[in-house]
Structure formats: structure tokens, C-alpha cells
Amino acid sequence: MPQSRTDLSHFASRLAPHLPGDWYFCYRRHSAYREQFRHGQLVWGSGPALQAIHEFVLEHEVVMDGPDGQRLYIIDRPLRRDQFLVAPLAPAVNFGTDPFDEVDEPSGIAVPADGARAAAAVSRRLLPLYRDALDVLRQRVGQPPVSRPAPPVVSRSVALRLGSDGCWTTPDDALSPTARAVLYTQGFQHFPNVHLFMLPASYGVAEQTQRISNIARQLASHGIEVKLHHTPRAAPSSPPPRVAKPVPAPRR
């Protein structure tokens, strides 16, 4: 039996803010083995989560509710303490007889224990298929399709600007989930109130240079270019000209 973990709830709290839309999670410990099938039997599609439910004793779970009826089931990945398993849950509403036939099932995935990187994987690999499958089910029972806003335009470049305070910053409005995840892993801090990611000056020039080099290399593998801009430091103001003091006349 794999060793019990205690960081599932913490992981969920780090995952939810980085997913698109508003997501809320409920953490629950199992008092008996059979309780893991309460939600486990609703896991939609195949994948590692379904296998773990039937082959291991899971002591706890997270159910996450999101927009448009989306629900995610999150558990430990047995034997891999650096990963978790995220799977979609089938809708609880009654769609009629055999509504799931010939629907492309949105299988669950394994994700890293880092919340930002996990959210990037879920947003890219799981949620689009999940939303499409839900739309197919709604169409089969005559429900109107869910209207969703157009996805934001995602830039294929990241502009990093060095300010006069020694901090590197970039706006957050056009960053892809992949770019956000890479910035997080390299020490950038997110300030949503001012829509900026920032690499603090406290790292020092050498450490900042290394981290930015890592970012450029990792994003290049995804076809994303990193552009560097430097804000010129203000020239020091010239001191006022020195005025020679008058020499007093000698006393007679």
C-alpha cells in the first residue's frame, strides 16, 4: 500500500486559481474503502485515475466544480509522490437513456505536483475535450449549447522588460498557460491587481540572467519567443555649479 500523503488539499488550492474561470474545490477524507467509489464511479473515460480507483486504497479525494457544469476528480497518483491524477466527472443530471454512446470521452491525465504547471496541462489537454463532450450530451437531449466568450488572443512571444528598479516584468493579459507555468517555475511572482508577472531584483543579476535563460530555452521548445527590453536608467542630475565665496578684504 502506498504511503499516505497530506498535500492533496494544498495542491488543489494552488491548482484552482490557475484554471480558466471560477473553480471551487471540496476536500474529503474517506472513512472507509467503499467511499472512494462515491465519486470514483462517476469518472468519465479511461485513464490513470480510473485504474488507481480500482487497484489502490485511496484515503482522500478532491472534487472541483467549475463553470458550465464541469467537475474534476483529483486524487494522489499511487507510487508517484511528484504527481497527482485529474479526471473529469460525468454530469450528474439525467441526459436520458445511453446518452454517452459514441461520445468522445475526455480521459483523465497525470499532472505534476506544481499547481501552475498542472493547470497548464489540464487547460490544454483535458478541459477542451471535456467541454466538447458536454456540448454533445446537451445537444442530444435538446438543451441549448452553452455560450462561451471567445478565447483570449494568446501571444506567441513573451516580452520581458527590465525596469530601473532591477526587476523584470511582463504583462499577464496575453500569456499562454504554458508561458505562465514556465514563469512560475523560474521564480516570477504574479500580481493580478496590476496584471504583471515580476522577477524580483533580490535574486541578483547573475541569478536573474540564469533564470531568464532557462525561460527562453523552455519556451523555445513550444515555439514561444522571449524578447528582452531594457528601460534606460535615468541619468543622474548634475550638481549645481559651485560658486566661489568672495574673499573678505583685509582689515586695516
Protein backbone atom coordinates (compact mmCIF):
# COMPACT_ATOMS: atom_id res chain seq x y z
CA MET A 1 0.00 0.00 0.00
CA PRO A 2 1.47 3.40 -0.93
CA GLN A 3 2.40 5.79 1.83
CA SER A 4 -0.35 8.25 2.78
CA ARG A 5 0.05 11.83 1.56
CA THR A 6 -1.13 15.00 3.22
CA ASP A 7 -0.69 17.62 0.48
CA LEU A 8 -3.71 16.90 -1.75
CA SER A 9 -5.76 19.77 -0.33
CA HIS A 10 -2.82 22.17 -0.67
CA PHE A 11 -2.33 21.10 -4.27
CA ALA A 12 -6.00 21.76 -5.06
CA SER A 13 -5.77 25.23 -3.52
CA ARG A 14 -2.84 26.00 -5.84
CA LEU A 15 -4.49 24.46 -8.91
CA ALA A 16 -7.90 26.18 -8.75
CA PRO A 17 -6.76 29.83 -9.20
CA HIS A 18 -4.84 28.98 -12.37
CA LEU A 19 -7.69 27.23 -14.20
CA PRO A 20 -9.83 29.25 -16.64
CA GLY A 21 -12.99 30.56 -15.00
CA ASP A 22 -14.08 30.23 -11.37
CA TRP A 23 -13.32 26.90 -9.70
CA TYR A 24 -14.13 25.73 -6.17
CA PHE A 25 -12.93 22.56 -4.51
CA CYS A 26 -14.06 20.30 -1.69
CA TYR A 27 -11.52 18.09 0.07
CA ARG A 28 -12.80 14.89 1.69
CA ARG A 29 -11.14 12.08 3.61
CA HIS A 30 -12.53 8.54 3.28
CA SER A 31 -13.62 6.87 6.49
CA ALA A 32 -13.99 3.52 4.69
CA TYR A 33 -12.68 1.93 1.50
CA ARG A 34 -16.07 1.92 -0.21
CA GLU A 35 -16.28 5.72 -0.02
CA GLN A 36 -13.71 6.13 -2.78
CA PHE A 37 -16.32 4.83 -5.24
CA ARG A 38 -18.89 7.50 -4.38
CA HIS A 39 -17.33 9.85 -6.90
CA GLY A 40 -14.89 7.38 -8.41
CA GLN A 41 -17.69 5.57 -10.22
CA LEU A 42 -18.55 8.85 -11.99
CA VAL A 43 -15.09 9.25 -13.53
CA TRP A 44 -15.60 9.80 -17.25
CA GLY A 45 -13.43 7.94 -19.76
CA SER A 46 -10.38 5.81 -19.21
CA GLY A 47 -7.01 6.91 -17.94
CA PRO A 48 -4.75 6.51 -14.92
CA ALA A 49 -7.31 7.81 -12.40
CA LEU A 50 -9.79 5.04 -13.21
CA GLN A 51 -7.07 2.42 -12.85
CA ALA A 52 -5.95 3.84 -9.49
CA ILE A 53 -9.50 3.78 -8.12
CA HIS A 54 -9.85 0.06 -8.79
CA GLU A 55 -6.32 -1.04 -7.83
CA PHE A 56 -5.39 1.06 -4.78
CA VAL A 57 -6.86 2.21 -1.49
CA LEU A 58 -7.28 5.98 -1.73
CA GLU A 59 -7.60 7.72 1.62
CA HIS A 60 -8.89 11.06 0.33
CA GLU A 61 -10.09 12.97 -2.72
CA VAL A 62 -10.87 16.41 -4.09
CA VAL A 63 -13.93 17.25 -6.17
CA MET A 64 -13.61 20.54 -8.02
CA ASP A 65 -16.60 22.40 -9.51
CA GLY A 66 -16.09 24.83 -12.37
CA PRO A 67 -18.04 26.80 -14.98
CA ASP A 68 -20.72 25.27 -17.24
CA GLY A 69 -21.19 22.17 -15.08
CA GLN A 70 -17.59 21.00 -15.32
CA ARG A 71 -16.41 18.84 -12.40
CA LEU A 72 -12.95 17.41 -11.81
CA TYR A 73 -11.92 14.50 -9.60
CA ILE A 74 -8.41 14.76 -8.13
CA ILE A 75 -6.50 12.04 -6.26
CA ASP A 76 -2.94 11.07 -5.41
CA ARG A 77 -1.04 9.19 -8.08
CA PRO A 78 -0.06 5.93 -6.32
CA LEU A 79 3.68 5.25 -6.24
CA ARG A 80 4.47 8.72 -7.67
CA ARG A 81 4.73 11.38 -5.00
CA ASP A 82 5.63 14.04 -7.57
CA GLN A 83 2.31 13.74 -9.43
CA PHE A 84 -1.46 13.80 -8.99
CA LEU A 85 -4.28 12.42 -11.13
CA VAL A 86 -7.01 14.69 -12.53
CA ALA A 87 -10.09 13.23 -14.24
CA PRO A 88 -13.41 14.66 -15.48
CA LEU A 89 -16.63 13.57 -13.79
CA ALA A 90 -19.69 12.68 -15.84
CA PRO A 91 -22.56 15.15 -15.35
CA ALA A 92 -24.96 14.29 -12.55
CA VAL A 93 -28.03 15.50 -14.48
CA ASN A 94 -30.19 12.97 -16.31
CA PHE A 95 -29.46 13.05 -20.04
CA GLY A 96 -31.72 10.12 -20.89
CA THR A 97 -31.01 6.52 -21.95
CA ASP A 98 -27.49 5.70 -23.13
CA PRO A 99 -26.58 9.34 -23.84
CA PHE A 100 -22.86 8.57 -23.66
CA ASP A 101 -22.80 6.25 -26.68
CA GLU A 102 -20.41 7.40 -29.40
CA VAL A 103 -19.25 10.41 -27.40
CA ASP A 104 -15.52 11.04 -27.41
CA GLU A 105 -14.68 10.50 -23.75
CA PRO A 106 -12.42 13.09 -22.07
CA SER A 107 -9.98 10.83 -20.24
CA GLY A 108 -8.10 11.92 -17.12
CA ILE A 109 -4.40 12.75 -17.02
CA ALA A 110 -1.42 12.71 -14.66
CA VAL A 111 -0.10 16.15 -13.74
CA PRO A 112 2.93 17.47 -11.83
CA ALA A 113 2.56 18.47 -8.19
CA ASP A 114 3.15 22.14 -9.05
CA GLY A 115 -0.23 23.87 -9.25
CA ALA A 116 0.61 26.29 -12.07
CA ARG A 117 2.18 23.65 -14.30
CA ALA A 118 -0.68 21.25 -13.57
CA ALA A 119 -3.24 23.91 -14.51
CA ALA A 120 -1.47 24.46 -17.83
CA ALA A 121 -1.70 20.72 -18.59
CA VAL A 122 -5.36 20.49 -17.54
CA SER A 123 -6.30 23.60 -19.55
CA ARG A 124 -4.55 22.33 -22.67
CA ARG A 125 -5.12 18.57 -22.61
CA LEU A 126 -8.29 17.90 -20.62
CA LEU A 127 -10.75 20.79 -20.47
CA PRO A 128 -11.25 21.36 -24.23
CA LEU A 129 -12.24 17.69 -24.75
CA TYR A 130 -14.39 17.79 -21.63
CA ARG A 131 -16.33 20.86 -22.79
CA ASP A 132 -16.84 19.35 -26.25
CA ALA A 133 -18.22 16.12 -24.74
CA LEU A 134 -20.62 18.05 -22.50
CA ASP A 135 -21.87 20.03 -25.52
CA VAL A 136 -22.58 16.79 -27.41
CA LEU A 137 -24.62 15.44 -24.49
CA ARG A 138 -26.63 18.65 -24.23
CA GLN A 139 -27.39 18.61 -27.94
CA ARG A 140 -28.69 15.04 -27.70
CA VAL A 141 -31.34 15.99 -25.16
CA GLY A 142 -32.24 19.28 -26.79
CA GLN A 143 -30.54 21.55 -24.29
CA PRO A 144 -29.19 24.81 -25.73
CA PRO A 145 -25.42 24.90 -26.13
CA VAL A 146 -23.50 26.87 -23.53
CA SER A 147 -22.40 30.21 -24.91
CA ARG A 148 -18.80 30.88 -24.06
CA PRO A 149 -16.79 34.03 -24.63
CA ALA A 150 -14.21 33.91 -27.37
CA PRO A 151 -10.88 32.68 -26.05
CA PRO A 152 -8.36 35.45 -25.42
CA VAL A 153 -5.74 36.06 -28.05
CA VAL A 154 -2.60 34.28 -26.91
CA SER A 155 0.71 35.76 -27.94
CA ARG A 156 3.48 33.54 -29.33
CA SER A 157 6.08 35.73 -27.63
CA VAL A 158 6.84 36.91 -24.11
CA ALA A 159 8.21 40.42 -23.64
CA LEU A 160 10.37 40.76 -20.54
CA ARG A 161 11.28 44.29 -19.52
CA LEU A 162 14.00 45.26 -17.06
CA GLY A 163 12.93 48.26 -15.03
CA SER A 164 15.09 50.88 -13.39
CA ASP A 165 14.43 49.10 -10.07
CA GLY A 166 16.21 45.96 -11.29
CA CYS A 167 13.00 43.86 -11.60
CA TRP A 168 11.98 42.01 -14.76
CA THR A 169 8.28 42.24 -15.59
CA THR A 170 5.82 41.13 -18.29
CA PRO A 171 2.06 41.79 -18.70
CA ASP A 172 -0.20 38.82 -17.95
CA ASP A 173 -3.01 39.54 -20.42
CA ALA A 174 -1.73 37.56 -23.45
CA LEU A 175 0.32 34.82 -21.82
CA SER A 176 -0.48 31.22 -22.72
CA PRO A 177 -0.89 28.62 -19.93
CA THR A 178 2.49 27.21 -20.94
CA ALA A 179 4.21 30.58 -20.62
CA ARG A 180 2.58 31.20 -17.24
CA ALA A 181 3.71 27.82 -15.94
CA VAL A 182 7.32 28.37 -17.06
CA LEU A 183 7.43 31.84 -15.49
CA TYR A 184 6.15 30.43 -12.20
CA THR A 185 8.74 27.65 -12.11
CA GLN A 186 11.55 30.17 -12.70
CA GLY A 187 10.59 32.40 -9.79
CA PHE A 188 8.31 35.02 -11.34
CA GLN A 189 5.61 36.29 -8.99
CA HIS A 190 2.10 37.12 -10.23
CA PHE A 191 0.41 40.37 -9.23
CA PRO A 192 -3.13 40.12 -10.71
CA ASN A 193 -4.16 43.53 -9.35
CA VAL A 194 -1.69 45.20 -11.72
CA HIS A 195 -1.71 42.39 -14.34
CA LEU A 196 2.01 41.71 -14.13
CA PHE A 197 4.45 38.86 -13.62
CA MET A 198 7.64 40.02 -11.89
CA LEU A 199 11.08 38.53 -11.23
CA PRO A 200 12.34 40.38 -8.13
CA ALA A 201 15.66 42.20 -8.09
CA SER A 202 16.52 40.36 -4.86
CA TYR A 203 17.67 37.36 -6.92
CA GLY A 204 20.66 39.34 -8.13
CA VAL A 205 21.84 39.94 -11.69
CA ALA A 206 23.58 36.58 -12.16
CA GLU A 207 20.63 34.55 -10.87
CA GLN A 208 18.13 36.60 -12.90
CA THR A 209 20.20 36.05 -16.05
CA GLN A 210 20.26 32.30 -15.49
CA ARG A 211 16.52 32.10 -14.85
CA ILE A 212 15.68 34.15 -17.95
CA SER A 213 17.97 31.92 -19.99
CA ASN A 214 16.04 28.90 -18.67
CA ILE A 215 12.75 30.55 -19.61
CA ALA A 216 13.93 31.30 -23.16
CA ARG A 217 15.14 27.72 -23.64
CA GLN A 218 11.97 26.10 -22.28
CA LEU A 219 9.57 28.35 -24.20
CA ALA A 220 11.53 27.95 -27.44
CA SER A 221 10.67 24.25 -27.38
CA HIS A 222 6.99 25.33 -27.50
CA GLY A 223 7.50 27.83 -30.31
CA ILE A 224 7.31 30.86 -27.99
CA GLU A 225 9.91 33.61 -28.40
CA VAL A 226 11.29 35.63 -25.48
CA LYS A 227 12.00 39.30 -26.19
CA LEU A 228 14.10 41.34 -23.77
CA HIS A 229 13.71 45.08 -23.29
CA HIS A 230 15.72 47.37 -21.02
CA THR A 231 14.39 50.58 -19.54
CA PRO A 232 17.26 53.07 -19.59
CA ARG A 233 18.22 54.29 -16.18
CA ALA A 234 17.68 57.96 -15.59
CA ALA A 235 20.88 59.96 -15.89
CA PRO A 236 21.96 61.44 -12.58
CA SER A 237 21.14 65.09 -12.31
CA SER A 238 24.14 67.42 -12.48
CA PRO A 239 25.02 69.10 -9.20
CA PRO A 240 24.57 72.87 -9.11
CA PRO A 241 27.71 74.81 -10.09
CA ARG A 242 29.88 75.72 -7.19
CA VAL A 243 30.09 79.48 -6.61
CA ALA A 244 33.34 80.75 -5.20
CA LYS A 245 32.86 82.60 -1.97
CA PRO A 246 34.15 86.23 -2.00
CA VAL A 247 37.39 86.73 -0.13
CA PRO A 248 36.90 89.36 2.58
CA ALA A 249 39.13 92.43 2.33
CA PRO A 250 41.94 92.55 4.90
CA ARG A 251 41.35 94.78 7.86
CA ARG A 252 43.40 97.94 8.19
